[in-house]
């Protein structure tokens, strides 16, 4: 082989090596990002589960009653339904 062909082959091999290193680093970065996102997803799933438990608990009448008493909220009673008929529109 001539010196020129050896240089071309060496340049191609070098370019392929640089490309492989670049691809390996990209794959590694993507793997780390997937791990981070998976951990974030798990935290959010746990948070949703916890919030659903809290919502269920807060919908219970005894919990509502305790909050009303603790906050000293005066609840209004529903007005009695009126027996009077409304006049028919003309």
Protein backbone atom coordinates (compact mmCIF):
# COMPACT_ATOMS: atom_id res chain seq x y z
CA UNK A 1 0.00 0.00 0.00
CA UNK A 2 1.11 3.46 -0.61
CA UNK A 3 1.58 6.01 2.11
CA UNK A 4 -1.50 7.92 0.92
CA UNK A 5 -3.78 4.87 1.25
CA UNK A 6 -2.42 4.17 4.74
CA UNK A 7 -3.21 7.74 5.79
CA UNK A 8 -6.75 7.48 4.39
CA UNK A 9 -7.35 4.18 6.19
CA UNK A 10 -5.90 5.62 9.41
CA UNK A 11 -8.12 8.71 9.09
CA UNK A 12 -11.21 6.52 8.55
CA UNK A 13 -10.33 4.31 11.52
CA UNK A 14 -9.75 7.42 13.64
CA UNK A 15 -13.06 8.95 12.55
CA UNK A 16 -14.86 5.70 13.37
CA UNK A 17 -13.19 5.61 16.80
CA UNK A 18 -14.26 9.20 17.52
CA UNK A 19 -17.81 8.38 16.39
CA UNK A 20 -17.95 5.30 18.62
CA UNK A 21 -16.72 7.26 21.65
CA UNK A 22 -19.29 9.98 20.92
CA UNK A 23 -22.13 7.43 20.62
CA UNK A 24 -21.04 5.67 23.81
CA UNK A 25 -21.10 8.96 25.72
CA UNK A 26 -24.56 9.79 24.33
CA UNK A 27 -25.90 6.38 25.29
CA UNK A 28 -24.45 6.75 28.79
CA UNK A 29 -26.02 10.22 29.17
CA UNK A 30 -29.39 8.92 28.01
CA UNK A 31 -29.13 6.05 30.49
CA UNK A 32 -28.50 8.46 33.36
CA UNK A 33 -31.42 10.61 32.26
CA UNK A 34 -33.72 7.58 32.13
CA UNK A 35 -32.65 6.68 35.67
CA UNK A 36 -33.36 10.22 36.90
CA UNK A 37 -36.77 10.28 35.24
CA UNK A 38 -37.66 6.84 36.62
CA UNK A 39 -36.81 8.01 40.14
CA UNK A 40 -38.85 11.18 39.63
CA UNK A 41 -41.77 9.11 38.33
CA UNK A 42 -41.65 6.86 41.40
CA UNK A 43 -41.65 9.90 43.72
CA UNK A 44 -44.65 11.33 41.89
CA UNK A 45 -46.52 8.01 42.01
CA UNK A 46 -45.89 7.84 45.77
CA UNK A 47 -47.04 11.44 46.15
CA UNK A 48 -50.26 10.75 44.20
CA UNK A 49 -50.93 7.69 46.34
CA UNK A 50 -50.41 9.72 49.51
CA UNK A 51 -52.66 12.53 48.27
CA UNK A 52 -55.41 10.06 47.34
CA UNK A 53 -55.31 8.66 50.87
CA UNK A 54 -55.52 12.20 52.25
CA UNK A 55 -58.47 13.07 49.98
CA UNK A 56 -60.31 9.93 51.05
CA UNK A 57 -59.68 10.78 54.70
CA UNK A 58 -60.80 14.38 54.29
CA UNK A 59 -64.09 13.30 52.68
CA UNK A 60 -65.11 11.40 55.82
CA UNK A 61 -67.92 13.15 57.71
CA UNK A 62 -66.29 12.78 61.14
CA UNK A 63 -63.11 14.45 59.88
CA UNK A 64 -65.17 17.28 58.38
CA UNK A 65 -67.05 17.69 61.65
CA UNK A 66 -63.80 17.86 63.63
CA UNK A 67 -62.43 20.51 61.27
CA UNK A 68 -65.64 22.53 61.59
CA UNK A 69 -65.41 22.37 65.37
CA UNK A 70 -61.70 23.15 65.42
CA UNK A 71 -62.10 26.16 63.13
CA UNK A 72 -65.32 27.25 64.88
CA UNK A 73 -67.21 27.55 61.64
CA UNK A 74 -70.92 28.25 61.90
CA UNK A 75 -72.61 26.15 59.27
CA UNK A 76 -75.82 27.48 57.86
CA UNK A 77 -78.78 25.19 57.71
CA UNK A 78 -80.44 24.66 54.37
CA UNK A 79 -83.54 26.82 54.00
CA UNK A 80 -86.86 25.06 54.24
CA UNK A 81 -88.44 24.54 50.85
CA UNK A 82 -91.23 27.00 50.19
CA UNK A 83 -94.69 25.64 49.50
CA UNK A 84 -95.73 28.74 47.59
CA UNK A 85 -95.94 28.37 43.86
CA UNK A 86 -94.21 30.89 41.71
CA UNK A 87 -96.51 32.84 39.43
CA UNK A 88 -96.62 31.51 35.91
CA UNK A 89 -94.79 33.71 33.40
CA UNK A 90 -97.08 35.61 31.07
